[in-house]
Amino acid sequence: MLLHVLSILKLIDNYIISITKIYCQANNQFTDIKHPIMSTIIICEDRRDESVFEESFRKRLIELRMKKDVSARDMSLSMGQSEGYINKIESGHSLPSLTGFFYICDYFRISPKEFFDDGLCYPPLLTELTNHLKALNHKQIENILSIVKDMKN
């Protein structure tokens, strides 16, 4: 079990490293990235950029919560937290711990990767669809792909 958890943390580390490198390169900033989750070392020249990541996190949390059509209070209580927990995160007064972040992902039934992929409109539905597609054979997947392409036109 511990090896499974460590491998998940390593995958998340690599994902965060990639995103951070892309962000810092796009903003012409120096990066010294080791293992952000395991050692919590992410350094950009301008510390004000941390607020960009925090703001993105808050916006994504709000977006997912609104799509689920649940109040911040109800979400907090459903997660076993105080009634103001999610509100404090969304308003910028606090950030969740790593464990808290995993609970948030679990609440939305998404992976941490899906949380940060704001291009996904409905991550839980896409995850469910992907899981069903994995059970299909090649021909069935081609048929579904054809249907999806027709729907886009």
N, C-alpha and C. Protein backbone atom coordinates (compact mmCIF):
# COMPACT_ATOMS: atom_id res chain seq x y z
N MET A 1 0.83 -1.20 0.00
CA MET A 1 0.00 0.00 0.00
C MET A 1 0.87 1.26 0.00
N LEU A 2 1.91 1.25 0.85
CA LEU A 2 2.79 2.41 0.94
C LEU A 2 3.47 2.67 -0.40
N LEU A 3 3.89 1.59 -1.08
CA LEU A 3 4.52 1.76 -2.40
C LEU A 3 3.54 2.37 -3.39
N HIS A 4 2.28 1.97 -3.30
CA HIS A 4 1.25 2.53 -4.18
C HIS A 4 1.08 4.03 -3.93
N VAL A 5 1.03 4.41 -2.67
CA VAL A 5 0.89 5.83 -2.32
C VAL A 5 2.10 6.62 -2.80
N LEU A 6 3.29 6.07 -2.58
CA LEU A 6 4.50 6.76 -3.03
C LEU A 6 4.55 6.90 -4.54
N SER A 7 4.09 5.88 -5.26
CA SER A 7 4.09 5.99 -6.73
C SER A 7 3.09 7.05 -7.20
N ILE A 8 1.97 7.16 -6.51
CA ILE A 8 0.99 8.21 -6.84
C ILE A 8 1.60 9.59 -6.58
N LEU A 9 2.27 9.75 -5.44
CA LEU A 9 2.91 11.03 -5.13
C LEU A 9 3.98 11.38 -6.16
N LYS A 10 4.71 10.38 -6.63
CA LYS A 10 5.74 10.64 -7.64
C LYS A 10 5.10 11.10 -8.95
N LEU A 11 3.98 10.48 -9.33
CA LEU A 11 3.27 10.91 -10.54
C LEU A 11 2.79 12.35 -10.41
N ILE A 12 2.25 12.68 -9.25
CA ILE A 12 1.77 14.05 -9.03
C ILE A 12 2.95 15.01 -9.04
N ASP A 13 4.07 14.61 -8.42
CA ASP A 13 5.29 15.43 -8.45
C ASP A 13 5.67 15.75 -9.88
N ASN A 14 5.73 14.72 -10.73
CA ASN A 14 6.14 14.92 -12.12
C ASN A 14 5.17 15.84 -12.85
N TYR A 15 3.89 15.71 -12.56
CA TYR A 15 2.88 16.55 -13.20
C TYR A 15 3.07 18.01 -12.77
N ILE A 16 3.25 18.22 -11.48
CA ILE A 16 3.44 19.59 -10.98
C ILE A 16 4.73 20.19 -11.52
N ILE A 17 5.78 19.39 -11.59
CA ILE A 17 7.05 19.87 -12.15
C ILE A 17 6.85 20.33 -13.58
N SER A 18 6.14 19.53 -14.38
CA SER A 18 5.90 19.90 -15.78
C SER A 18 5.12 21.20 -15.89
N ILE A 19 4.05 21.32 -15.12
CA ILE A 19 3.23 22.53 -15.17
C ILE A 19 4.05 23.75 -14.74
N THR A 20 4.82 23.60 -13.67
CA THR A 20 5.61 24.71 -13.16
C THR A 20 6.66 25.14 -14.16
N LYS A 21 7.33 24.19 -14.79
CA LYS A 21 8.34 24.52 -15.80
C LYS A 21 7.72 25.27 -16.96
N ILE A 22 6.58 24.79 -17.43
CA ILE A 22 5.89 25.46 -18.54
C ILE A 22 5.51 26.88 -18.15
N TYR A 23 4.94 27.04 -16.95
CA TYR A 23 4.52 28.35 -16.48
C TYR A 23 5.71 29.30 -16.38
N CYS A 24 6.78 28.84 -15.76
CA CYS A 24 7.93 29.71 -15.54
C CYS A 24 8.65 30.04 -16.85
N GLN A 25 8.69 29.08 -17.78
CA GLN A 25 9.28 29.37 -19.09
C GLN A 25 8.45 30.40 -19.83
N ALA A 26 7.13 30.27 -19.74
CA ALA A 26 6.25 31.21 -20.43
C ALA A 26 6.39 32.62 -19.87
N ASN A 27 6.79 32.72 -18.61
CA ASN A 27 6.94 34.02 -17.97
C ASN A 27 8.40 34.42 -17.81
N ASN A 28 9.29 33.75 -18.56
CA ASN A 28 10.73 34.04 -18.54
C ASN A 28 11.29 34.08 -17.12
N GLN A 29 10.98 33.05 -16.35
CA GLN A 29 11.45 32.99 -14.98
C GLN A 29 12.34 31.78 -14.77
N PHE A 30 13.26 31.90 -13.83
CA PHE A 30 14.14 30.82 -13.45
C PHE A 30 13.39 29.86 -12.54
N THR A 31 13.60 28.57 -12.72
CA THR A 31 12.98 27.60 -11.83
C THR A 31 14.03 26.66 -11.27
N ASP A 32 13.86 26.30 -10.03
CA ASP A 32 14.67 25.27 -9.38
C ASP A 32 13.68 24.31 -8.76
N ILE A 33 13.32 23.27 -9.49
CA ILE A 33 12.26 22.39 -9.06
C ILE A 33 12.84 21.03 -8.71
N LYS A 34 12.54 20.59 -7.51
CA LYS A 34 13.00 19.28 -7.07
C LYS A 34 11.78 18.36 -7.02
N HIS A 35 11.23 18.13 -5.87
CA HIS A 35 10.03 17.31 -5.73
C HIS A 35 9.01 18.10 -4.91
N PRO A 36 8.08 18.77 -5.59
CA PRO A 36 7.19 19.70 -4.90
C PRO A 36 6.33 19.11 -3.80
N ILE A 37 5.88 17.89 -3.96
CA ILE A 37 5.02 17.33 -2.93
C ILE A 37 5.86 16.75 -1.80
N MET A 38 6.84 15.94 -2.15
CA MET A 38 7.63 15.26 -1.13
C MET A 38 8.47 16.24 -0.33
N SER A 39 9.06 17.24 -0.98
CA SER A 39 9.92 18.16 -0.25
C SER A 39 9.40 19.59 -0.26
N THR A 40 8.29 19.82 -0.94
CA THR A 40 7.66 21.14 -1.06
C THR A 40 8.64 22.24 -1.46
N ILE A 41 9.46 21.95 -2.50
CA ILE A 41 10.38 22.97 -3.00
C ILE A 41 9.98 23.34 -4.42
N ILE A 42 9.39 24.50 -4.57
CA ILE A 42 9.13 25.07 -5.88
C ILE A 42 9.55 26.53 -5.76
N ILE A 43 10.57 26.91 -6.52
CA ILE A 43 11.09 28.26 -6.39
C ILE A 43 11.02 28.96 -7.74
N CYS A 44 10.33 30.07 -7.81
CA CYS A 44 10.35 30.95 -8.96
C CYS A 44 10.96 32.26 -8.48
N GLU A 45 11.59 32.99 -9.39
CA GLU A 45 12.24 34.24 -9.00
C GLU A 45 11.28 35.18 -8.29
N ASP A 46 10.12 35.34 -8.83
CA ASP A 46 9.17 36.29 -8.27
C ASP A 46 8.14 35.55 -7.42
N ARG A 47 8.18 35.72 -6.11
CA ARG A 47 7.30 35.00 -5.20
C ARG A 47 5.84 35.42 -5.38
N ARG A 48 5.60 36.56 -5.99
CA ARG A 48 4.22 36.98 -6.22
C ARG A 48 3.49 36.02 -7.14
N ASP A 49 4.25 35.23 -7.91
CA ASP A 49 3.63 34.27 -8.82
C ASP A 49 2.93 33.15 -8.08
N GLU A 50 3.27 32.95 -6.81
CA GLU A 50 2.56 31.95 -6.01
C GLU A 50 1.08 32.30 -5.96
N SER A 51 0.76 33.57 -5.93
CA SER A 51 -0.64 33.96 -5.87
C SER A 51 -1.39 33.57 -7.14
N VAL A 52 -0.67 33.49 -8.26
CA VAL A 52 -1.30 33.06 -9.52
C VAL A 52 -1.74 31.61 -9.38
N PHE A 53 -0.86 30.76 -8.82
CA PHE A 53 -1.22 29.36 -8.62
C PHE A 53 -2.37 29.22 -7.64
N GLU A 54 -2.32 30.00 -6.56
CA GLU A 54 -3.37 29.94 -5.56
C GLU A 54 -4.70 30.40 -6.14
N GLU A 55 -4.67 31.46 -6.93
CA GLU A 55 -5.89 31.97 -7.57
C GLU A 55 -6.45 30.94 -8.54
N SER A 56 -5.59 30.29 -9.31
CA SER A 56 -6.04 29.25 -10.24
C SER A 56 -6.70 28.11 -9.48
N PHE A 57 -6.08 27.75 -8.36
CA PHE A 57 -6.64 26.68 -7.53
C PHE A 57 -8.04 27.05 -7.05
N ARG A 58 -8.17 28.27 -6.53
CA ARG A 58 -9.46 28.72 -6.02
C ARG A 58 -10.53 28.76 -7.12
N LYS A 59 -10.15 29.29 -8.28
CA LYS A 59 -11.11 29.37 -9.39
C LYS A 59 -11.57 27.99 -9.83
N ARG A 60 -10.63 27.04 -9.88
CA ARG A 60 -11.00 25.68 -10.29
C ARG A 60 -11.91 25.04 -9.25
N LEU A 61 -11.64 25.26 -8.00
CA LEU A 61 -12.48 24.71 -6.94
C LEU A 61 -13.90 25.27 -7.05
N ILE A 62 -14.00 26.57 -7.26
CA ILE A 62 -15.32 27.21 -7.41
C ILE A 62 -16.03 26.65 -8.63
N GLU A 63 -15.31 26.52 -9.74
CA GLU A 63 -15.91 26.01 -10.98
C GLU A 63 -16.47 24.60 -10.77
N LEU A 64 -15.69 23.72 -10.18
CA LEU A 64 -16.15 22.35 -9.96
C LEU A 64 -17.32 22.29 -8.99
N ARG A 65 -17.26 23.12 -7.95
CA ARG A 65 -18.34 23.13 -6.97
C ARG A 65 -19.64 23.64 -7.59
N MET A 66 -19.53 24.69 -8.41
CA MET A 66 -20.73 25.25 -9.07
C MET A 66 -21.33 24.23 -10.05
N LYS A 67 -20.48 23.52 -10.77
CA LYS A 67 -20.99 22.51 -11.71
C LYS A 67 -21.70 21.38 -10.97
N LYS A 68 -21.25 21.11 -9.77
CA LYS A 68 -21.91 20.08 -8.96
C LYS A 68 -23.16 20.64 -8.29
N ASP A 69 -23.34 21.96 -8.37
CA ASP A 69 -24.50 22.65 -7.83
C ASP A 69 -24.65 22.41 -6.33
N VAL A 70 -23.56 22.68 -5.62
CA VAL A 70 -23.55 22.51 -4.18
C VAL A 70 -22.96 23.76 -3.54
N SER A 71 -23.45 24.12 -2.37
CA SER A 71 -22.92 25.30 -1.69
C SER A 71 -21.58 24.95 -1.04
N ALA A 72 -20.80 25.98 -0.77
CA ALA A 72 -19.52 25.78 -0.11
C ALA A 72 -19.74 25.17 1.27
N ARG A 73 -20.76 25.61 1.95
CA ARG A 73 -21.08 25.08 3.28
C ARG A 73 -21.42 23.60 3.21
N ASP A 74 -22.30 23.22 2.29
CA ASP A 74 -22.70 21.81 2.17
C ASP A 74 -21.51 20.93 1.77
N MET A 75 -20.66 21.45 0.90
CA MET A 75 -19.49 20.68 0.51
C MET A 75 -18.57 20.47 1.71
N SER A 76 -18.35 21.53 2.47
CA SER A 76 -17.50 21.44 3.67
C SER A 76 -18.02 20.39 4.63
N LEU A 77 -19.30 20.45 4.90
CA LEU A 77 -19.90 19.51 5.85
C LEU A 77 -19.89 18.09 5.31
N SER A 78 -20.11 17.93 4.01
CA SER A 78 -20.07 16.59 3.39
C SER A 78 -18.68 15.97 3.49
N MET A 79 -17.66 16.82 3.52
CA MET A 79 -16.29 16.34 3.63
C MET A 79 -15.87 16.12 5.08
N GLY A 80 -16.78 16.42 6.02
CA GLY A 80 -16.46 16.25 7.43
C GLY A 80 -15.64 17.39 8.01
N GLN A 81 -15.71 18.54 7.36
CA GLN A 81 -14.96 19.72 7.81
C GLN A 81 -15.92 20.72 8.45
N SER A 82 -15.35 21.79 8.97
CA SER A 82 -16.19 22.84 9.53
C SER A 82 -16.97 23.49 8.39
N GLU A 83 -18.06 24.14 8.72
CA GLU A 83 -18.93 24.68 7.66
C GLU A 83 -18.26 25.77 6.82
N GLY A 84 -17.21 26.40 7.32
CA GLY A 84 -16.53 27.46 6.57
C GLY A 84 -15.27 27.02 5.84
N TYR A 85 -14.96 25.73 5.87
CA TYR A 85 -13.71 25.21 5.30
C TYR A 85 -13.52 25.60 3.82
N ILE A 86 -14.46 25.26 2.98
CA ILE A 86 -14.35 25.53 1.54
C ILE A 86 -14.41 27.03 1.29
N ASN A 87 -15.25 27.74 2.02
CA ASN A 87 -15.36 29.19 1.86
C ASN A 87 -14.01 29.86 2.13
N LYS A 88 -13.30 29.41 3.15
CA LYS A 88 -11.98 29.99 3.47
C LYS A 88 -10.99 29.75 2.34
N ILE A 89 -11.05 28.59 1.72
CA ILE A 89 -10.15 28.29 0.60
C ILE A 89 -10.52 29.16 -0.60
N GLU A 90 -11.80 29.19 -0.92
CA GLU A 90 -12.25 29.96 -2.09
C GLU A 90 -12.02 31.46 -1.94
N SER A 91 -12.07 31.96 -0.73
CA SER A 91 -11.87 33.39 -0.52
C SER A 91 -10.40 33.77 -0.35
N GLY A 92 -9.52 32.78 -0.35
CA GLY A 92 -8.10 33.07 -0.27
C GLY A 92 -7.54 33.18 1.13
N HIS A 93 -8.33 32.83 2.13
CA HIS A 93 -7.86 32.91 3.51
C HIS A 93 -7.01 31.71 3.92
N SER A 94 -7.14 30.60 3.17
CA SER A 94 -6.34 29.42 3.48
C SER A 94 -6.23 28.55 2.24
N LEU A 95 -5.34 27.59 2.31
CA LEU A 95 -5.20 26.57 1.28
C LEU A 95 -5.32 25.22 1.96
N PRO A 96 -5.81 24.22 1.26
CA PRO A 96 -5.93 22.92 1.90
C PRO A 96 -4.55 22.26 2.04
N SER A 97 -4.44 21.38 3.01
CA SER A 97 -3.25 20.55 3.11
C SER A 97 -3.28 19.56 1.93
N LEU A 98 -2.22 18.82 1.76
CA LEU A 98 -2.20 17.81 0.70
C LEU A 98 -3.32 16.80 0.92
N THR A 99 -3.51 16.39 2.16
CA THR A 99 -4.59 15.46 2.48
C THR A 99 -5.94 16.11 2.18
N GLY A 100 -6.09 17.38 2.54
CA GLY A 100 -7.32 18.10 2.25
C GLY A 100 -7.59 18.17 0.75
N PHE A 101 -6.52 18.39 -0.02
CA PHE A 101 -6.66 18.43 -1.48
C PHE A 101 -7.16 17.08 -2.01
N PHE A 102 -6.61 15.98 -1.48
CA PHE A 102 -7.06 14.66 -1.91
C PHE A 102 -8.52 14.43 -1.53
N TYR A 103 -8.94 14.94 -0.38
CA TYR A 103 -10.35 14.83 0.01
C TYR A 103 -11.24 15.63 -0.94
N ILE A 104 -10.76 16.79 -1.35
CA ILE A 104 -11.53 17.61 -2.31
C ILE A 104 -11.67 16.85 -3.63
N CYS A 105 -10.58 16.28 -4.11
CA CYS A 105 -10.65 15.49 -5.35
C CYS A 105 -11.60 14.32 -5.19
N ASP A 106 -11.52 13.65 -4.04
CA ASP A 106 -12.40 12.52 -3.77
C ASP A 106 -13.86 12.97 -3.75
N TYR A 107 -14.12 14.13 -3.20
CA TYR A 107 -15.48 14.66 -3.15
C TYR A 107 -16.05 14.82 -4.57
N PHE A 108 -15.21 15.33 -5.48
CA PHE A 108 -15.66 15.53 -6.85
C PHE A 108 -15.53 14.26 -7.70
N ARG A 109 -14.95 13.22 -7.10
CA ARG A 109 -14.70 11.94 -7.80
C ARG A 109 -13.81 12.15 -9.02
N ILE A 110 -12.73 12.91 -8.80
CA ILE A 110 -11.76 13.16 -9.86
C ILE A 110 -10.36 12.92 -9.32
N SER A 111 -9.42 12.77 -10.21
CA SER A 111 -8.03 12.61 -9.81
C SER A 111 -7.41 14.01 -9.63
N PRO A 112 -6.28 14.09 -8.93
CA PRO A 112 -5.59 15.37 -8.83
C PRO A 112 -5.24 15.94 -10.20
N LYS A 113 -4.87 15.07 -11.12
CA LYS A 113 -4.56 15.52 -12.48
C LYS A 113 -5.78 16.18 -13.12
N GLU A 114 -6.94 15.57 -12.95
CA GLU A 114 -8.17 16.13 -13.52
C GLU A 114 -8.54 17.45 -12.85
N PHE A 115 -8.21 17.59 -11.58
CA PHE A 115 -8.49 18.85 -10.90
C PHE A 115 -7.76 19.99 -11.58
N PHE A 116 -6.48 19.77 -11.93
CA PHE A 116 -5.68 20.84 -12.52
C PHE A 116 -5.90 21.00 -14.02
N ASP A 117 -6.60 20.08 -14.64
CA ASP A 117 -6.88 20.18 -16.08
C ASP A 117 -8.18 20.94 -16.26
N ASP A 118 -8.08 22.27 -16.30
CA ASP A 118 -9.29 23.08 -16.40
C ASP A 118 -9.92 23.03 -17.79
N GLY A 119 -9.31 22.30 -18.71
CA GLY A 119 -9.92 22.10 -20.02
C GLY A 119 -11.02 21.05 -19.98
N LEU A 120 -11.08 20.30 -18.88
CA LEU A 120 -12.12 19.30 -18.73
C LEU A 120 -13.37 19.96 -18.16
N CYS A 121 -14.45 19.87 -18.91
CA CYS A 121 -15.69 20.51 -18.45
C CYS A 121 -16.37 19.71 -17.34
N TYR A 122 -16.44 18.41 -17.50
CA TYR A 122 -17.13 17.56 -16.53
C TYR A 122 -16.26 16.36 -16.21
N PRO A 123 -15.20 16.56 -15.41
CA PRO A 123 -14.25 15.49 -15.13
C PRO A 123 -14.87 14.18 -14.64
N PRO A 124 -15.84 14.20 -13.70
CA PRO A 124 -16.39 12.92 -13.24
C PRO A 124 -17.05 12.13 -14.36
N LEU A 125 -17.77 12.84 -15.23
CA LEU A 125 -18.43 12.15 -16.35
C LEU A 125 -17.41 11.58 -17.32
N LEU A 126 -16.35 12.34 -17.59
CA LEU A 126 -15.32 11.85 -18.49
C LEU A 126 -14.58 10.66 -17.90
N THR A 127 -14.37 10.67 -16.61
CA THR A 127 -13.73 9.53 -15.95
C THR A 127 -14.62 8.30 -16.06
N GLU A 128 -15.90 8.47 -15.79
CA GLU A 128 -16.83 7.35 -15.90
C GLU A 128 -16.88 6.82 -17.33
N LEU A 129 -16.95 7.73 -18.30
CA LEU A 129 -16.97 7.33 -19.71
C LEU A 129 -15.70 6.57 -20.08
N THR A 130 -14.57 7.08 -19.65
CA THR A 130 -13.29 6.43 -19.94
C THR A 130 -13.25 5.03 -19.35
N ASN A 131 -13.74 4.89 -18.14
CA ASN A 131 -13.76 3.56 -17.50
C ASN A 131 -14.62 2.58 -18.28
N HIS A 132 -15.75 3.05 -18.80
CA HIS A 132 -16.61 2.17 -19.61
C HIS A 132 -15.94 1.84 -20.95
N LEU A 133 -15.28 2.83 -21.53
CA LEU A 133 -14.61 2.60 -22.82
C LEU A 133 -13.51 1.55 -22.71
N LYS A 134 -12.87 1.48 -21.58
CA LYS A 134 -11.78 0.50 -21.38
C LYS A 134 -12.27 -0.93 -21.52
N ALA A 135 -13.55 -1.16 -21.28
CA ALA A 135 -14.10 -2.51 -21.35
C ALA A 135 -14.54 -2.90 -22.77
N LEU A 136 -14.49 -1.95 -23.70
CA LEU A 136 -14.94 -2.21 -25.06
C LEU A 136 -13.81 -2.71 -25.94
N ASN A 137 -14.21 -3.38 -27.02
CA ASN A 137 -13.20 -3.82 -27.99
C ASN A 137 -12.92 -2.70 -29.00
N HIS A 138 -11.96 -2.94 -29.86
CA HIS A 138 -11.52 -1.93 -30.82
C HIS A 138 -12.66 -1.43 -31.71
N LYS A 139 -13.45 -2.33 -32.23
CA LYS A 139 -14.54 -1.97 -33.14
C LYS A 139 -15.59 -1.12 -32.42
N GLN A 140 -15.92 -1.47 -31.20
CA GLN A 140 -16.90 -0.71 -30.43
C GLN A 140 -16.41 0.71 -30.17
N ILE A 141 -15.13 0.83 -29.85
CA ILE A 141 -14.56 2.16 -29.60
C ILE A 141 -14.58 2.99 -30.88
N GLU A 142 -14.28 2.37 -32.03
CA GLU A 142 -14.36 3.10 -33.31
C GLU A 142 -15.77 3.58 -33.57
N ASN A 143 -16.77 2.76 -33.27
CA ASN A 143 -18.18 3.15 -33.47
C ASN A 143 -18.55 4.34 -32.58
N ILE A 144 -18.11 4.31 -31.35
CA ILE A 144 -18.41 5.42 -30.44
C ILE A 144 -17.70 6.68 -30.90
N LEU A 145 -16.46 6.55 -31.33
CA LEU A 145 -15.72 7.70 -31.85
C LEU A 145 -16.45 8.30 -33.04
N SER A 146 -16.98 7.46 -33.90
CA SER A 146 -17.72 7.94 -35.06
C SER A 146 -18.98 8.70 -34.62
N ILE A 147 -19.66 8.19 -33.62
CA ILE A 147 -20.86 8.87 -33.11
C ILE A 147 -20.49 10.24 -32.53
N VAL A 148 -19.41 10.29 -31.76
CA VAL A 148 -19.00 11.55 -31.15
C VAL A 148 -18.64 12.57 -32.23
N LYS A 149 -17.92 12.14 -33.25
CA LYS A 149 -17.57 13.04 -34.34
C LYS A 149 -18.82 13.58 -35.03
N ASP A 150 -19.82 12.72 -35.24
CA ASP A 150 -21.08 13.16 -35.85
C ASP A 150 -21.80 14.17 -34.97
N MET A 151 -21.73 13.98 -33.66
CA MET A 151 -22.40 14.89 -32.73
C MET A 151 -21.76 16.27 -32.75
N LYS A 152 -20.46 16.35 -33.01
CA LYS A 152 -19.76 17.64 -33.03
C LYS A 152 -20.12 18.45 -34.27
N ASN A 153 -20.53 17.78 -35.32
CA ASN A 153 -20.88 18.48 -36.58
C ASN A 153 -22.25 19.05 -36.58
